[in-house]
Each structure stands twice: as C-alpha cells, then as structure tokens.
Protein backbone atom coordinates (compact mmCIF):
# COMPACT_ATOMS: atom_id res chain seq x y z
CA MET A 1 46.69 256.15 163.40
CA THR A 2 46.03 259.87 163.82
CA MET A 3 47.07 262.44 166.36
CA THR A 4 44.49 264.87 167.79
CA THR A 5 45.10 268.10 169.67
CA VAL A 6 43.02 269.06 172.70
CA SER A 7 43.58 272.50 174.33
CA GLY A 8 46.90 272.91 172.56
CA ARG A 9 48.30 269.59 173.74
CA ALA A 10 48.99 266.56 171.67
CA ALA A 11 46.78 263.69 172.82
CA ARG A 12 48.06 260.16 173.07
CA PRO A 13 47.51 258.04 170.01
CA SER A 14 44.33 255.99 170.30
CA LEU A 15 44.94 252.25 170.58
CA PRO A 16 42.99 249.87 168.44
CA ALA A 17 40.12 248.15 170.24
CA PRO A 18 40.66 244.47 171.00
CA ALA A 19 39.12 242.03 168.62
CA PRO A 20 35.73 240.65 169.74
CA ARG A 21 37.07 237.11 169.87
CA THR A 22 39.98 238.17 172.11
CA GLY A 23 37.61 240.03 174.45
CA ARG A 24 35.36 237.00 174.81
CA LEU A 25 38.39 234.81 175.54
CA LEU A 26 39.58 237.19 178.27
CA ARG A 27 36.14 237.28 179.86
CA ARG A 28 35.97 233.49 179.84
CA LEU A 29 39.41 233.24 181.43
CA LYS A 30 38.40 235.67 184.19
CA LEU A 31 35.15 233.78 184.75
CA GLY A 32 37.02 230.46 184.89
CA ARG A 33 39.52 231.84 187.38
CA ARG A 34 36.75 233.17 189.62
CA LEU A 35 34.92 229.87 189.41
CA LEU A 36 38.09 227.95 190.29
CA ILE A 37 38.76 230.20 193.29
CA THR A 38 35.17 229.89 194.48
CA VAL A 39 35.14 226.09 194.20
CA THR A 40 38.52 225.80 195.89
CA MET A 41 37.53 228.04 198.81
CA THR A 42 34.22 226.23 199.18
CA LEU A 43 35.92 222.83 199.36
CA PHE A 44 38.51 224.18 201.79
CA THR A 45 35.78 225.67 204.02
CA VAL A 46 33.78 222.45 204.05
CA PHE A 47 36.90 220.39 204.77
CA THR A 48 37.93 222.72 207.61
CA LEU A 49 34.55 223.16 209.28
CA PHE A 50 33.24 219.60 208.89
CA PRO A 51 34.90 218.26 212.10
CA PHE A 52 33.34 221.07 214.15
CA VAL A 53 29.94 220.56 212.54
CA TRP A 54 30.18 216.83 213.23
CA MET A 55 31.15 217.44 216.88
CA ALA A 56 28.26 219.86 217.33
CA LEU A 57 25.83 217.44 215.69
CA THR A 58 27.03 214.55 217.84
CA SER A 59 26.79 216.57 221.05
CA LEU A 60 23.17 217.54 220.27
CA ARG A 61 21.90 214.15 219.10
CA THR A 62 19.73 211.96 221.24
CA GLY A 63 21.05 208.65 222.51
CA SER A 64 19.09 206.62 219.97
CA ASP A 65 20.57 208.60 217.07
CA LEU A 66 24.10 208.01 218.34
CA TYR A 67 23.64 204.25 218.04
CA ARG A 68 22.47 204.56 214.42
CA VAL A 69 25.40 206.63 213.15
CA ALA A 70 26.84 203.74 211.12
CA ASP A 71 23.59 203.25 209.19
CA ARG A 72 22.38 206.85 209.01
CA PRO A 73 25.27 209.17 209.84
CA PHE A 74 23.44 212.44 209.14
CA SER A 75 19.90 211.59 210.23
CA VAL A 76 18.65 213.50 213.27
CA SER A 77 15.33 212.63 214.86
CA GLY A 78 15.69 215.19 217.63
CA LEU A 79 18.08 217.56 219.37
CA THR A 80 18.88 217.62 223.08
CA LEU A 81 21.10 219.46 225.55
CA GLU A 82 21.21 216.48 227.89
CA HIS A 83 24.82 215.68 227.01
CA PHE A 84 25.95 219.16 228.00
CA ARG A 85 23.96 218.98 231.25
CA GLU A 86 25.59 215.66 232.15
CA LEU A 87 29.01 217.01 231.22
CA LEU A 88 28.70 220.08 233.43
CA THR A 89 26.92 218.49 236.40
CA GLU A 90 28.11 214.88 236.53
CA THR A 91 31.78 215.36 235.64
CA LYS A 92 34.52 217.74 236.80
CA PHE A 93 34.70 219.53 233.47
CA LEU A 94 34.81 223.02 235.02
CA THR A 95 37.65 221.97 237.33
CA TRP A 96 39.59 220.49 234.42
CA THR A 97 39.09 223.66 232.40
CA LEU A 98 40.32 225.80 235.29
CA ASN A 99 43.40 223.58 235.63
CA SER A 100 44.15 223.96 231.94
CA LEU A 101 43.77 227.73 232.16
CA ILE A 102 46.13 227.95 235.14
CA VAL A 103 48.76 225.77 233.50
CA ALA A 104 48.54 227.33 230.03
CA LEU A 105 48.56 230.95 231.21
CA SER A 106 51.30 230.41 233.80
CA ALA A 107 53.58 228.41 231.52
CA SER A 108 53.11 230.81 228.59
CA ALA A 109 53.79 233.89 230.75
CA ILE A 110 56.90 232.40 232.37
CA ALA A 111 58.14 231.21 228.98
CA LEU A 112 57.78 234.76 227.62
CA VAL A 113 59.77 236.19 230.52
CA ILE A 114 62.60 233.74 229.79
CA GLY A 115 62.24 233.52 226.02
CA VAL A 116 62.18 237.24 225.15
CA PRO A 117 65.70 237.98 226.51
CA ALA A 118 66.93 234.77 224.87
CA ALA A 119 65.40 235.84 221.56
CA TYR A 120 66.98 239.29 221.90
CA SER A 121 70.35 237.67 222.49
CA LEU A 122 70.00 235.44 219.44
CA GLY A 123 68.61 238.15 217.15
CA ARG A 124 70.47 241.34 218.09
CA LEU A 125 73.73 240.46 219.84
CA ARG A 126 76.80 239.31 217.99
CA TYR A 127 79.12 237.00 219.89
CA ARG A 128 81.21 233.95 219.18
CA GLY A 129 79.13 230.79 218.98
CA GLY A 130 75.82 232.62 218.66
CA ALA A 131 74.82 230.69 215.55
CA VAL A 132 75.62 227.40 217.28
CA VAL A 133 73.50 228.40 220.27
CA GLY A 134 70.61 229.19 217.93
CA VAL A 135 70.84 225.78 216.29
CA ILE A 136 70.95 224.09 219.70
CA VAL A 137 67.86 226.01 220.85
CA PHE A 138 65.98 225.08 217.69
CA SER A 139 67.07 221.43 217.95
CA THR A 140 65.82 221.31 221.55
CA TYR A 141 62.37 222.36 220.37
CA LEU A 142 62.38 219.61 217.72
CA LEU A 143 62.96 216.78 220.21
CA PRO A 144 59.79 214.64 220.41
CA PRO A 145 58.05 214.48 223.80
CA ALA A 146 58.05 210.67 223.66
CA LEU A 147 61.84 210.73 224.17
CA LEU A 148 61.76 213.20 227.05
CA PHE A 149 58.91 212.24 229.34
CA ILE A 150 60.91 209.46 231.08
CA PRO A 151 63.90 211.66 232.12
CA MET A 152 61.44 214.47 232.85
CA ASN A 153 59.60 212.14 235.20
CA VAL A 154 62.84 211.50 237.11
CA VAL A 155 63.48 215.24 237.44
CA VAL A 156 59.91 215.95 238.55
CA ASN A 157 59.99 213.23 241.20
CA ARG A 158 63.34 214.44 242.59
CA LEU A 159 61.89 217.93 242.90
CA HIS A 160 58.83 216.46 244.67
CA LEU A 161 56.48 218.00 242.13
CA GLY A 162 54.76 214.81 241.08
CA ASN A 163 50.99 214.94 240.62
CA THR A 164 50.88 218.76 240.76
CA LEU A 165 50.09 221.50 238.29
CA GLY A 166 53.55 222.90 238.98
CA ALA A 167 55.03 219.80 237.36
CA LEU A 168 53.17 220.55 234.12
CA ILE A 169 54.23 224.21 234.18
CA LEU A 170 57.87 223.22 234.66
CA VAL A 171 57.79 220.55 231.98
CA TYR A 172 56.00 222.74 229.43
CA LEU A 173 58.78 225.31 229.72
CA THR A 174 61.17 222.81 228.15
CA PHE A 175 59.51 223.20 224.76
CA LEU A 176 57.91 226.65 225.12
CA VAL A 177 61.13 228.58 225.85
CA PRO A 178 63.04 227.24 222.80
CA PHE A 179 59.98 227.85 220.63
CA ILE A 180 59.57 231.46 221.78
CA ALA A 181 63.30 232.19 221.61
CA TRP A 182 63.61 230.87 218.08
CA MET A 183 60.46 232.57 216.77
CA LEU A 184 61.12 235.98 218.31
CA SER A 185 64.78 236.07 217.31
CA SER A 186 63.78 236.81 213.71
CA TYR A 187 61.58 239.71 214.88
CA PHE A 188 64.43 241.30 216.84
CA GLN A 189 66.78 240.70 213.92
CA SER A 190 64.43 242.57 211.55
CA LEU A 191 64.43 245.77 213.64
CA PRO A 192 66.64 248.70 212.59
CA VAL A 193 69.63 249.00 214.91
CA GLU A 194 69.74 252.80 214.68
CA LEU A 195 66.90 253.28 217.18
CA ALA A 196 68.53 251.22 219.91
CA GLU A 197 71.92 252.79 219.19
CA ALA A 198 70.42 256.27 219.57
CA ALA A 199 69.00 255.26 222.95
CA ARG A 200 72.41 253.88 223.99
CA ILE A 201 74.07 257.16 223.00
CA ASP A 202 71.56 259.04 225.17
CA GLY A 203 72.68 256.98 228.15
CA ALA A 204 70.23 254.06 228.20
CA SER A 205 71.55 250.66 229.13
CA ARG A 206 71.16 247.75 226.77
CA LEU A 207 68.38 246.31 228.92
CA ARG A 208 66.50 249.61 228.99
CA ALA A 209 66.95 250.04 225.24
CA MET A 210 65.48 246.58 224.72
CA MET A 211 62.51 247.26 227.02
CA VAL A 212 61.73 250.79 225.78
CA ILE A 213 62.72 250.69 222.10
CA ASP A 214 62.83 247.13 220.77
CA LEU A 215 60.14 245.35 222.78
CA PRO A 216 57.23 247.66 221.80
CA LEU A 217 58.18 247.21 218.15
CA VAL A 218 57.98 243.42 218.38
CA LEU A 219 54.77 243.42 220.43
CA PRO A 220 52.73 241.83 217.59
CA GLY A 221 55.26 239.00 217.47
CA VAL A 222 55.13 238.60 221.25
CA VAL A 223 51.35 238.30 221.14
CA SER A 224 51.56 235.78 218.30
CA VAL A 225 54.01 233.50 220.09
CA PHE A 226 52.00 233.83 223.31
CA PHE A 227 48.92 232.59 221.46
CA PHE A 228 50.87 229.68 219.97
CA ALA A 229 52.37 228.83 223.35
CA PHE A 230 48.95 228.91 225.01
CA THR A 231 47.56 226.62 222.30
CA LEU A 232 50.45 224.18 222.68
CA CYS A 233 49.86 223.96 226.43
CA TRP A 234 46.10 223.68 226.05
CA GLN A 235 46.20 220.73 223.67
CA GLU A 236 49.17 218.87 225.18
CA TYR A 237 48.27 215.34 226.28
CA LEU A 238 51.30 213.09 226.84
CA TYR A 239 52.99 215.08 229.62
CA ALA A 240 49.66 215.78 231.32
CA LEU A 241 48.80 212.09 231.29
CA THR A 242 52.23 211.15 232.67
CA PHE A 243 52.75 213.67 235.47
CA VAL A 244 49.22 214.21 236.81
CA ARG A 245 47.24 211.27 238.21
CA SER A 246 44.61 212.83 240.47
CA THR A 247 41.30 213.52 238.78
CA ASP A 248 40.96 216.93 240.46
CA LYS A 249 44.30 218.13 239.04
CA GLN A 250 44.04 216.88 235.47
CA PRO A 251 43.73 219.32 232.56
CA VAL A 252 40.72 219.16 230.31
CA ALA A 253 42.39 217.12 227.54
CA VAL A 254 43.18 214.25 229.94
CA GLY A 255 40.16 214.55 232.20
CA LEU A 256 37.64 214.23 229.38
CA VAL A 257 39.17 211.05 227.99
CA ASN A 258 39.70 209.38 231.36
CA ALA A 259 36.21 210.15 232.65
CA LEU A 260 34.18 209.56 229.50
CA GLN A 261 35.96 206.44 228.22
CA VAL A 262 35.45 203.21 230.11
CA GLY A 263 37.23 200.35 228.37
CA ASP A 264 36.03 200.44 224.79
CA VAL A 265 32.84 202.37 225.62
CA PHE A 266 32.82 206.07 224.76
CA ALA A 267 30.25 208.64 225.88
CA TRP A 268 30.33 210.31 222.50
CA GLY A 269 27.76 212.98 223.28
CA GLN A 270 29.61 214.26 226.33
CA LEU A 271 33.00 213.87 224.63
CA MET A 272 32.00 215.98 221.66
CA GLY A 273 30.32 218.53 223.90
CA GLY A 274 33.47 218.74 226.01
CA ALA A 275 35.59 219.14 222.90
CA LEU A 276 33.46 222.07 221.76
CA LEU A 277 33.43 223.77 225.16
CA GLY A 278 37.14 223.07 225.60
CA ALA A 279 37.92 224.93 222.41
CA LEU A 280 36.11 228.09 223.56
CA PRO A 281 39.02 229.61 225.55
CA VAL A 282 41.31 229.36 222.53
CA VAL A 283 38.65 230.86 220.26
CA ILE A 284 38.00 233.72 222.70
CA ILE A 285 41.69 234.55 223.10
CA PHE A 286 42.21 234.40 219.33
CA SER A 287 39.24 236.70 218.70
CA PHE A 288 40.65 239.36 221.06
CA LEU A 289 44.24 239.06 219.81
CA MET A 290 43.50 238.57 216.10
CA ASP A 291 44.86 241.95 214.98
CA TYR A 292 48.15 241.43 216.82
CA TYR A 293 48.30 237.84 215.60
CA LEU A 294 47.84 238.72 211.92
CA SER A 295 50.34 241.57 212.06
CA GLY A 296 52.78 239.39 213.96
CA LEU A 297 52.77 236.74 211.27
CA THR A 298 54.63 239.06 208.88
CA ALA A 299 56.35 241.45 211.29
CA GLY A 300 59.61 239.54 211.16
CA ALA A 301 59.46 238.59 207.51
CA VAL A 302 61.17 241.73 206.16
CA LYS A 303 64.49 242.90 207.52
CA GLY A 304 65.28 246.60 207.86
C-alpha cells in the first residue's frame, strides 16, 4: 500500500477493491431485499384494497350477476348505476348521512372541549393521585360498550333524550373524552416546560399559557385525535341501534342495515353502494387533514 501526495497533502491510502465474488454477492443481496420489499408491499396493497374493490364491483353489477357470485365471483356481464339510483332516491340515505355528520362532528367537538383541559391536567400538572386518575381515565375507555348500553339507556330515558340525536352525542362522550384525554396527555407531557414558565413569569395565567403557548404546539395531535374521534362516531353501531328507533333519526350505519335487510334477504348492490358512499366523508376529512395527522402520530413520541 503506497501513499501519494497531491498539492502538498498526503492522500488517504487507497483501499483494495472488493473481490468480484463479494461484489456479486452484495448485488444479489440488495436485489433480493428489493424483491422481498416489493412482493410484501404488493401483497399488503392487494389485501388492503380488495374489500373496497369487491364493494365497488358488487355495487356496479347487474342483478343477474349478483345471483351468480357463488359460481362466478369475478365475472361481470355488465355494469349499472341502478343500485346507486335506488339508494339515493328510494331510501333515506342522505338523511342518514346528515344525521351521522351532525352526531360525529358535534360529539367530537364537545369531546375536544372537555378532553383537552383533562389531557393538560394529566400531562403537565403534578398533584397527588394524578397517576391514579390517568389509569382510571384509561380504564374507562377500555370498558366494552356491551356492558354499558343498558345503564346508559336508563340514564338517557331519565333525561328524556330517548330516540334523539342528542342521546347519541351524550353517550358517545363517554368513550370519546377518555380517549382524547389519554392520547393528548402524552403530547402535553412532551412539551418543554420553559415556554409556559416564561409566559407565567410575564404575567399570564395558567389557562392563558395553555391556550397561547401549549395548545398551538400540540395542534397536530389535536387534529389527529379529532379524526380518530370522528371515525369512532361514524362507524359506531351498537349505541346507535339501541338509542335511536325512528328511521328519520338513524345514522347511516344503522339505517343502511335496517332498510336494506329484510329477514335473511340483503340488497347487496345498494348495501355496497351505501358502504362506499358512507366512507366518503371520512376519506375527504382525512385527505384535508393528512399533514396534521401524520405529524401528530409522532409529535408526542419524543419528550423534550
């Protein structure tokens, strides 16, 4: 190994070139890794998108094709929009969708108003029993709805809210507030305390310091939990089936099943079309809030 001098400086010693066999092995390993990643992502994409493709195919098939699914599941003799026309004109799908929007947006907004101060208390304040309160809040969220809908029904009837959208909003708060409080507490806990302390020294109250300093910093987390809360309300079925009986007041998840299932007969074309159209609000909200959602996923992962 020799040393060469370029412009008065000693150059680094040249390293021996890798053996041809080692180079071929490295190239094969890289090619195998790329192939494995490609195959894995392809299988994951097909597995994830297949239910949506199947719903779209079912909603566009003619009636004769729907009765031959068992024999020829992927054969399509023709496409039609008749199922969507029947769904929008012969059912109350638009009313159900509006009910779901009212309930999901109202419950998520009210839950944020209650859950953000609770999360601030759990994440930033230090007081005796705070850890126990956090565990209780988290345990409340873990309680299954099947154990709660009977006592909830008693409470709703005593408040004279039965068969109203207000009943759903009130009941949904029982699992949205603990969820938001627990999730956002880690975001508040990850913030540096020096900023809020500087605002307190300048004369700001604790509430003003939270609103002006801490809350803008956790805005990605707030948007993320709002999206999750909206999705939980949108897809909830058991409480909606229990507390709302009138067809005009049912959310879309309950209205579709009740109207398009008669005994053991399912209107599969309209059901799949309703499932696709019912997913549009969630997709639209996610598309607008994607940047906040992605940044909010890791905003509370690192402390300091």
